ModelCIF file with pLDDT and N, C-alpha, C, O atoms, coordinates in Angstrom:
data_MODEL
#
_entry.id   MODEL 
#
_entity.id                         1 
_entity.type                       polymer 
_entity.pdbx_number_of_molecules   1 
#
_entity_poly.entity_id                      1 
_entity_poly.type                           'polypeptide(L)' 
_entity_poly.nstd_linkage                   no 
_entity_poly.nstd_monomer                   no 
_entity_poly.pdbx_seq_one_letter_code       IYTMPQFLEQRYGKTLPVIMAVFWIALYIFVNLT 
_entity_poly.pdbx_seq_one_letter_code_can   IYTMPQFLEQRYGKTLPVIMAVFWIALYIFVNLT 
_entity_poly.pdbx_strand_id                 A 
#
loop_
_entity_poly_seq.entity_id 
_entity_poly_seq.num 
_entity_poly_seq.mon_id 
_entity_poly_seq.hetero 
1 1  ILE n 
1 2  TYR n 
1 3  THR n 
1 4  MET n 
1 5  PRO n 
1 6  GLN n 
1 7  PHE n 
1 8  LEU n 
1 9  GLU n 
1 10 GLN n 
1 11 ARG n 
1 12 TYR n 
1 13 GLY n 
1 14 LYS n 
1 15 THR n 
1 16 LEU n 
1 17 PRO n 
1 18 VAL n 
1 19 ILE n 
1 20 MET n 
1 21 ALA n 
1 22 VAL n 
1 23 PHE n 
1 24 TRP n 
1 25 ILE n 
1 26 ALA n 
1 27 LEU n 
1 28 TYR n 
1 29 ILE n 
1 30 PHE n 
1 31 VAL n 
1 32 ASN n 
1 33 LEU n 
1 34 THR n 
#
_struct_asym.id          A 
_struct_asym.entity_id   1 
#
loop_
_ma_qa_metric.id 
_ma_qa_metric.mode 
_ma_qa_metric.name 
_ma_qa_metric.software_group_id 
_ma_qa_metric.type 
1 global pLDDT . pLDDT 
2 local  pLDDT . pLDDT 
#
_ma_qa_metric_global.metric_id      1 
_ma_qa_metric_global.metric_value   86.29 
_ma_qa_metric_global.model_id       1 
_ma_qa_metric_global.ordinal_id     1 
#
loop_
_ma_qa_metric_local.label_asym_id 
_ma_qa_metric_local.label_comp_id 
_ma_qa_metric_local.label_seq_id 
_ma_qa_metric_local.metric_id 
_ma_qa_metric_local.metric_value 
_ma_qa_metric_local.model_id 
_ma_qa_metric_local.ordinal_id 
A ILE 1  2 86.00 1 1  
A TYR 2  2 82.00 1 2  
A THR 3  2 81.00 1 3  
A MET 4  2 86.00 1 4  
A PRO 5  2 84.00 1 5  
A GLN 6  2 87.00 1 6  
A PHE 7  2 90.00 1 7  
A LEU 8  2 90.00 1 8  
A GLU 9  2 88.00 1 9  
A GLN 10 2 89.00 1 10 
A ARG 11 2 89.00 1 11 
A TYR 12 2 90.00 1 12 
A GLY 13 2 85.00 1 13 
A LYS 14 2 85.00 1 14 
A THR 15 2 85.00 1 15 
A LEU 16 2 88.00 1 16 
A PRO 17 2 87.00 1 17 
A VAL 18 2 88.00 1 18 
A ILE 19 2 86.00 1 19 
A MET 20 2 86.00 1 20 
A ALA 21 2 87.00 1 21 
A VAL 22 2 88.00 1 22 
A PHE 23 2 85.00 1 23 
A TRP 24 2 86.00 1 24 
A ILE 25 2 89.00 1 25 
A ALA 26 2 87.00 1 26 
A LEU 27 2 84.00 1 27 
A TYR 28 2 86.00 1 28 
A ILE 29 2 89.00 1 29 
A PHE 30 2 86.00 1 30 
A VAL 31 2 82.00 1 31 
A ASN 32 2 81.00 1 32 
A LEU 33 2 86.00 1 33 
A THR 34 2 86.00 1 34 
#
loop_
_atom_site.group_PDB 
_atom_site.id 
_atom_site.type_symbol 
_atom_site.label_atom_id 
_atom_site.label_alt_id 
_atom_site.label_comp_id 
_atom_site.label_asym_id 
_atom_site.label_entity_id 
_atom_site.label_seq_id 
_atom_site.pdbx_PDB_ins_code 
_atom_site.Cartn_x 
_atom_site.Cartn_y 
_atom_site.Cartn_z 
_atom_site.occupancy 
_atom_site.B_iso_or_equiv 
_atom_site.pdbx_formal_charge 
_atom_site.auth_seq_id 
_atom_site.auth_comp_id 
_atom_site.auth_asym_id 
_atom_site.auth_atom_id 
_atom_site.pdbx_PDB_model_num 
ATOM 1   N N  . ILE A 1 1  ? 0.858   -1.198 0.002  1.00 86.00 ? 1  ILE A N  1 
ATOM 2   C CA . ILE A 1 1  ? -0.001  0.001  -0.001 1.00 86.00 ? 1  ILE A CA 1 
ATOM 3   C C  . ILE A 1 1  ? 0.888   1.240  0.001  1.00 86.00 ? 1  ILE A C  1 
ATOM 4   O O  . ILE A 1 1  ? 1.841   1.312  0.778  1.00 86.00 ? 1  ILE A O  1 
ATOM 5   N N  . TYR A 1 2  ? 0.591   2.218  -0.857 1.00 82.00 ? 2  TYR A N  1 
ATOM 6   C CA . TYR A 1 2  ? 1.361   3.464  -0.872 1.00 82.00 ? 2  TYR A CA 1 
ATOM 7   C C  . TYR A 1 2  ? 0.502   4.692  -0.537 1.00 82.00 ? 2  TYR A C  1 
ATOM 8   O O  . TYR A 1 2  ? 1.031   5.741  -0.168 1.00 82.00 ? 2  TYR A O  1 
ATOM 9   N N  . THR A 1 3  ? -0.828  4.556  -0.668 1.00 81.00 ? 3  THR A N  1 
ATOM 10  C CA . THR A 1 3  ? -1.711  5.646  -0.207 1.00 81.00 ? 3  THR A CA 1 
ATOM 11  C C  . THR A 1 3  ? -2.923  5.030  0.485  1.00 81.00 ? 3  THR A C  1 
ATOM 12  O O  . THR A 1 3  ? -3.254  3.867  0.251  1.00 81.00 ? 3  THR A O  1 
ATOM 13  N N  . MET A 1 4  ? -3.576  5.803  1.327  1.00 86.00 ? 4  MET A N  1 
ATOM 14  C CA . MET A 1 4  ? -4.766  5.320  2.021  1.00 86.00 ? 4  MET A CA 1 
ATOM 15  C C  . MET A 1 4  ? -5.951  5.098  1.058  1.00 86.00 ? 4  MET A C  1 
ATOM 16  O O  . MET A 1 4  ? -6.670  4.110  1.210  1.00 86.00 ? 4  MET A O  1 
ATOM 17  N N  . PRO A 1 5  ? -6.172  5.981  0.082  1.00 84.00 ? 5  PRO A N  1 
ATOM 18  C CA . PRO A 1 5  ? -7.238  5.675  -0.895 1.00 84.00 ? 5  PRO A CA 1 
ATOM 19  C C  . PRO A 1 5  ? -6.969  4.378  -1.663 1.00 84.00 ? 5  PRO A C  1 
ATOM 20  O O  . PRO A 1 5  ? -7.911  3.667  -2.012 1.00 84.00 ? 5  PRO A O  1 
ATOM 21  N N  . GLN A 1 6  ? -5.698  4.061  -1.933 1.00 87.00 ? 6  GLN A N  1 
ATOM 22  C CA . GLN A 1 6  ? -5.379  2.815  -2.609 1.00 87.00 ? 6  GLN A CA 1 
ATOM 23  C C  . GLN A 1 6  ? -5.820  1.620  -1.765 1.00 87.00 ? 6  GLN A C  1 
ATOM 24  O O  . GLN A 1 6  ? -6.362  0.651  -2.295 1.00 87.00 ? 6  GLN A O  1 
ATOM 25  N N  . PHE A 1 7  ? -5.588  1.690  -0.452 1.00 90.00 ? 7  PHE A N  1 
ATOM 26  C CA . PHE A 1 7  ? -6.060  0.615  0.432  1.00 90.00 ? 7  PHE A CA 1 
ATOM 27  C C  . PHE A 1 7  ? -7.575  0.477  0.338  1.00 90.00 ? 7  PHE A C  1 
ATOM 28  O O  . PHE A 1 7  ? -8.093  -0.636 0.243  1.00 90.00 ? 7  PHE A O  1 
ATOM 29  N N  . LEU A 1 8  ? -8.288  1.603  0.366  1.00 90.00 ? 8  LEU A N  1 
ATOM 30  C CA . LEU A 1 8  ? -9.745  1.557  0.308  1.00 90.00 ? 8  LEU A CA 1 
ATOM 31  C C  . LEU A 1 8  ? -10.235 0.935  -0.991 1.00 90.00 ? 8  LEU A C  1 
ATOM 32  O O  . LEU A 1 8  ? -11.224 0.201  -0.998 1.00 90.00 ? 8  LEU A O  1 
ATOM 33  N N  . GLU A 1 9  ? -9.542  1.229  -2.094 1.00 88.00 ? 9  GLU A N  1 
ATOM 34  C CA . GLU A 1 9  ? -9.940  0.644  -3.375 1.00 88.00 ? 9  GLU A CA 1 
ATOM 35  C C  . GLU A 1 9  ? -9.720  -0.868 -3.374 1.00 88.00 ? 9  GLU A C  1 
ATOM 36  O O  . GLU A 1 9  ? -10.592 -1.620 -3.809 1.00 88.00 ? 9  GLU A O  1 
ATOM 37  N N  . GLN A 1 10 ? -8.568  -1.316 -2.893 1.00 89.00 ? 10 GLN A N  1 
ATOM 38  C CA . GLN A 1 10 ? -8.280  -2.745 -2.882 1.00 89.00 ? 10 GLN A CA 1 
ATOM 39  C C  . GLN A 1 10 ? -9.158  -3.495 -1.886 1.00 89.00 ? 10 GLN A C  1 
ATOM 40  O O  . GLN A 1 10 ? -9.379  -4.698 -2.025 1.00 89.00 ? 10 GLN A O  1 
ATOM 41  N N  . ARG A 1 11 ? -9.658  -2.774 -0.875 1.00 89.00 ? 11 ARG A N  1 
ATOM 42  C CA . ARG A 1 11 ? -10.477 -3.440 0.146  1.00 89.00 ? 11 ARG A CA 1 
ATOM 43  C C  . ARG A 1 11 ? -11.979 -3.364 -0.149 1.00 89.00 ? 11 ARG A C  1 
ATOM 44  O O  . ARG A 1 11 ? -12.707 -4.330 0.079  1.00 89.00 ? 11 ARG A O  1 
ATOM 45  N N  . TYR A 1 12 ? -12.442 -2.215 -0.656 1.00 90.00 ? 12 TYR A N  1 
ATOM 46  C CA . TYR A 1 12 ? -13.886 -2.008 -0.774 1.00 90.00 ? 12 TYR A CA 1 
ATOM 47  C C  . TYR A 1 12 ? -14.404 -1.892 -2.207 1.00 90.00 ? 12 TYR A C  1 
ATOM 48  O O  . TYR A 1 12 ? -15.479 -2.406 -2.516 1.00 90.00 ? 12 TYR A O  1 
ATOM 49  N N  . GLY A 1 13 ? -13.653 -1.223 -3.083 1.00 85.00 ? 13 GLY A N  1 
ATOM 50  C CA . GLY A 1 13 ? -14.163 -0.954 -4.417 1.00 85.00 ? 13 GLY A CA 1 
ATOM 51  C C  . GLY A 1 13 ? -13.726 0.423  -4.875 1.00 85.00 ? 13 GLY A C  1 
ATOM 52  O O  . GLY A 1 13 ? -12.860 1.027  -4.241 1.00 85.00 ? 13 GLY A O  1 
ATOM 53  N N  . LYS A 1 14 ? -14.296 0.942  -5.956 1.00 85.00 ? 14 LYS A N  1 
ATOM 54  C CA . LYS A 1 14 ? -13.788 2.157  -6.589 1.00 85.00 ? 14 LYS A CA 1 
ATOM 55  C C  . LYS A 1 14 ? -14.486 3.451  -6.169 1.00 85.00 ? 14 LYS A C  1 
ATOM 56  O O  . LYS A 1 14 ? -13.961 4.535  -6.421 1.00 85.00 ? 14 LYS A O  1 
ATOM 57  N N  . THR A 1 15 ? -15.650 3.361  -5.539 1.00 85.00 ? 15 THR A N  1 
ATOM 58  C CA . THR A 1 15 ? -16.395 4.586  -5.203 1.00 85.00 ? 15 THR A CA 1 
ATOM 59  C C  . THR A 1 15 ? -15.835 5.264  -3.962 1.00 85.00 ? 15 THR A C  1 
ATOM 60  O O  . THR A 1 15 ? -15.540 6.459  -3.985 1.00 85.00 ? 15 THR A O  1 
ATOM 61  N N  . LEU A 1 16 ? -15.686 4.508  -2.877 1.00 88.00 ? 16 LEU A N  1 
ATOM 62  C CA . LEU A 1 16 ? -15.243 5.059  -1.593 1.00 88.00 ? 16 LEU A CA 1 
ATOM 63  C C  . LEU A 1 16 ? -13.887 5.761  -1.681 1.00 88.00 ? 16 LEU A C  1 
ATOM 64  O O  . LEU A 1 16 ? -13.749 6.858  -1.141 1.00 88.00 ? 16 LEU A O  1 
ATOM 65  N N  . PRO A 1 17 ? -12.875 5.172  -2.341 1.00 87.00 ? 17 PRO A N  1 
ATOM 66  C CA . PRO A 1 17 ? -11.562 5.844  -2.370 1.00 87.00 ? 17 PRO A CA 1 
ATOM 67  C C  . PRO A 1 17 ? -11.578 7.200  -3.058 1.00 87.00 ? 17 PRO A C  1 
ATOM 68  O O  . PRO A 1 17 ? -10.824 8.095  -2.677 1.00 87.00 ? 17 PRO A O  1 
ATOM 69  N N  . VAL A 1 18 ? -12.429 7.364  -4.069 1.00 88.00 ? 18 VAL A N  1 
ATOM 70  C CA . VAL A 1 18 ? -12.526 8.670  -4.731 1.00 88.00 ? 18 VAL A CA 1 
ATOM 71  C C  . VAL A 1 18 ? -13.112 9.702  -3.771 1.00 88.00 ? 18 VAL A C  1 
ATOM 72  O O  . VAL A 1 18 ? -12.621 10.827 -3.674 1.00 88.00 ? 18 VAL A O  1 
ATOM 73  N N  . ILE A 1 19 ? -14.177 9.299  -3.061 1.00 86.00 ? 19 ILE A N  1 
ATOM 74  C CA . ILE A 1 19 ? -14.795 10.199 -2.072 1.00 86.00 ? 19 ILE A CA 1 
ATOM 75  C C  . ILE A 1 19 ? -13.768 10.618 -1.021 1.00 86.00 ? 19 ILE A C  1 
ATOM 76  O O  . ILE A 1 19 ? -13.643 11.800 -0.701 1.00 86.00 ? 19 ILE A O  1 
ATOM 77  N N  . MET A 1 20 ? -13.031 9.633  -0.486 1.00 86.00 ? 20 MET A N  1 
ATOM 78  C CA . MET A 1 20 ? -12.086 9.923  0.582  1.00 86.00 ? 20 MET A CA 1 
ATOM 79  C C  . MET A 1 20 ? -10.859 10.677 0.063  1.00 86.00 ? 20 MET A C  1 
ATOM 80  O O  . MET A 1 20 ? -10.304 11.508 0.781  1.00 86.00 ? 20 MET A O  1 
ATOM 81  N N  . ALA A 1 21 ? -10.428 10.403 -1.168 1.00 87.00 ? 21 ALA A N  1 
ATOM 82  C CA . ALA A 1 21 ? -9.286  11.135 -1.725 1.00 87.00 ? 21 ALA A CA 1 
ATOM 83  C C  . ALA A 1 21 ? -9.606  12.618 -1.840 1.00 87.00 ? 21 ALA A C  1 
ATOM 84  O O  . ALA A 1 21 ? -8.790  13.468 -1.482 1.00 87.00 ? 21 ALA A O  1 
ATOM 85  N N  . VAL A 1 22 ? -10.802 12.924 -2.343 1.00 88.00 ? 22 VAL A N  1 
ATOM 86  C CA . VAL A 1 22 ? -11.225 14.323 -2.456 1.00 88.00 ? 22 VAL A CA 1 
ATOM 87  C C  . VAL A 1 22 ? -11.316 14.960 -1.067 1.00 88.00 ? 22 VAL A C  1 
ATOM 88  O O  . VAL A 1 22 ? -10.882 16.094 -0.867 1.00 88.00 ? 22 VAL A O  1 
ATOM 89  N N  . PHE A 1 23 ? -11.883 14.221 -0.113 1.00 85.00 ? 23 PHE A N  1 
ATOM 90  C CA . PHE A 1 23 ? -11.984 14.740 1.253  1.00 85.00 ? 23 PHE A CA 1 
ATOM 91  C C  . PHE A 1 23 ? -10.605 15.047 1.835  1.00 85.00 ? 23 PHE A C  1 
ATOM 92  O O  . PHE A 1 23 ? -10.385 16.123 2.390  1.00 85.00 ? 23 PHE A O  1 
ATOM 93  N N  . TRP A 1 24 ? -9.667  14.084 1.701  1.00 86.00 ? 24 TRP A N  1 
ATOM 94  C CA . TRP A 1 24 ? -8.331  14.286 2.294  1.00 86.00 ? 24 TRP A CA 1 
ATOM 95  C C  . TRP A 1 24 ? -7.604  15.471 1.656  1.00 86.00 ? 24 TRP A C  1 
ATOM 96  O O  . TRP A 1 24 ? -6.941  16.242 2.351  1.00 86.00 ? 24 TRP A O  1 
ATOM 97  N N  . ILE A 1 25 ? -7.725  15.611 0.364  1.00 89.00 ? 25 ILE A N  1 
ATOM 98  C CA . ILE A 1 25 ? -7.070  16.746 -0.298 1.00 89.00 ? 25 ILE A CA 1 
ATOM 99  C C  . ILE A 1 25 ? -7.654  18.064 0.225  1.00 89.00 ? 25 ILE A C  1 
ATOM 100 O O  . ILE A 1 25 ? -6.917  19.002 0.526  1.00 89.00 ? 25 ILE A O  1 
ATOM 101 N N  . ALA A 1 26 ? -8.984  18.122 0.328  1.00 87.00 ? 26 ALA A N  1 
ATOM 102 C CA . ALA A 1 26 ? -9.636  19.342 0.851  1.00 87.00 ? 26 ALA A CA 1 
ATOM 103 C C  . ALA A 1 26 ? -9.217  19.607 2.292  1.00 87.00 ? 26 ALA A C  1 
ATOM 104 O O  . ALA A 1 26 ? -8.939  20.748 2.658  1.00 87.00 ? 26 ALA A O  1 
ATOM 105 N N  . LEU A 1 27 ? -9.169  18.555 3.112  1.00 84.00 ? 27 LEU A N  1 
ATOM 106 C CA . LEU A 1 27 ? -8.770  18.706 4.516  1.00 84.00 ? 27 LEU A CA 1 
ATOM 107 C C  . LEU A 1 27 ? -7.338  19.211 4.616  1.00 84.00 ? 27 LEU A C  1 
ATOM 108 O O  . LEU A 1 27 ? -7.060  20.141 5.373  1.00 84.00 ? 27 LEU A O  1 
ATOM 109 N N  . TYR A 1 28 ? -6.425  18.604 3.856  1.00 86.00 ? 28 TYR A N  1 
ATOM 110 C CA . TYR A 1 28 ? -5.023  18.989 3.933  1.00 86.00 ? 28 TYR A CA 1 
ATOM 111 C C  . TYR A 1 28 ? -4.784  20.421 3.462  1.00 86.00 ? 28 TYR A C  1 
ATOM 112 O O  . TYR A 1 28 ? -3.954  21.134 4.024  1.00 86.00 ? 28 TYR A O  1 
ATOM 113 N N  . ILE A 1 29 ? -5.519  20.839 2.424  1.00 89.00 ? 29 ILE A N  1 
ATOM 114 C CA . ILE A 1 29 ? -5.312  22.195 1.903  1.00 89.00 ? 29 ILE A CA 1 
ATOM 115 C C  . ILE A 1 29 ? -5.992  23.234 2.783  1.00 89.00 ? 29 ILE A C  1 
ATOM 116 O O  . ILE A 1 29 ? -5.346  24.171 3.253  1.00 89.00 ? 29 ILE A O  1 
ATOM 117 N N  . PHE A 1 30 ? -7.301  23.070 3.008  1.00 86.00 ? 30 PHE A N  1 
ATOM 118 C CA . PHE A 1 30 ? -8.093  24.129 3.634  1.00 86.00 ? 30 PHE A CA 1 
ATOM 119 C C  . PHE A 1 30 ? -8.057  24.128 5.166  1.00 86.00 ? 30 PHE A C  1 
ATOM 120 O O  . PHE A 1 30 ? -8.442  25.113 5.795  1.00 86.00 ? 30 PHE A O  1 
ATOM 121 N N  . VAL A 1 31 ? -7.596  23.029 5.765  1.00 82.00 ? 31 VAL A N  1 
ATOM 122 C CA . VAL A 1 31 ? -7.509  22.985 7.230  1.00 82.00 ? 31 VAL A CA 1 
ATOM 123 C C  . VAL A 1 31 ? -6.052  22.909 7.679  1.00 82.00 ? 31 VAL A C  1 
ATOM 124 O O  . VAL A 1 31 ? -5.564  23.807 8.365  1.00 82.00 ? 31 VAL A O  1 
ATOM 125 N N  . ASN A 1 32 ? -5.354  21.833 7.290  1.00 81.00 ? 32 ASN A N  1 
ATOM 126 C CA . ASN A 1 32 ? -3.993  21.621 7.792  1.00 81.00 ? 32 ASN A CA 1 
ATOM 127 C C  . ASN A 1 32 ? -2.981  22.621 7.231  1.00 81.00 ? 32 ASN A C  1 
ATOM 128 O O  . ASN A 1 32 ? -2.257  23.271 7.986  1.00 81.00 ? 32 ASN A O  1 
ATOM 129 N N  . LEU A 1 33 ? -2.936  22.737 5.909  1.00 86.00 ? 33 LEU A N  1 
ATOM 130 C CA . LEU A 1 33 ? -1.939  23.602 5.284  1.00 86.00 ? 33 LEU A CA 1 
ATOM 131 C C  . LEU A 1 33 ? -2.158  25.065 5.653  1.00 86.00 ? 33 LEU A C  1 
ATOM 132 O O  . LEU A 1 33 ? -1.213  25.781 5.985  1.00 86.00 ? 33 LEU A O  1 
ATOM 133 N N  . THR A 1 34 ? -3.409  25.499 5.591  1.00 86.00 ? 34 THR A N  1 
ATOM 134 C CA . THR A 1 34 ? -3.701  26.903 5.928  1.00 86.00 ? 34 THR A CA 1 
ATOM 135 C C  . THR A 1 34 ? -3.359  27.211 7.379  1.00 86.00 ? 34 THR A C  1 
ATOM 136 O O  . THR A 1 34 ? -3.541  28.342 7.830  1.00 86.00 ? 34 THR A O  1 
#
């Protein structure tokens, strides 16, 4: 595993990792980075 969304895809399917990838990017930019 190299990313957390990759784990979600291999474990659950293709929908959840896209949702979580978008969420993590938004969280990292608008909350953590800022």
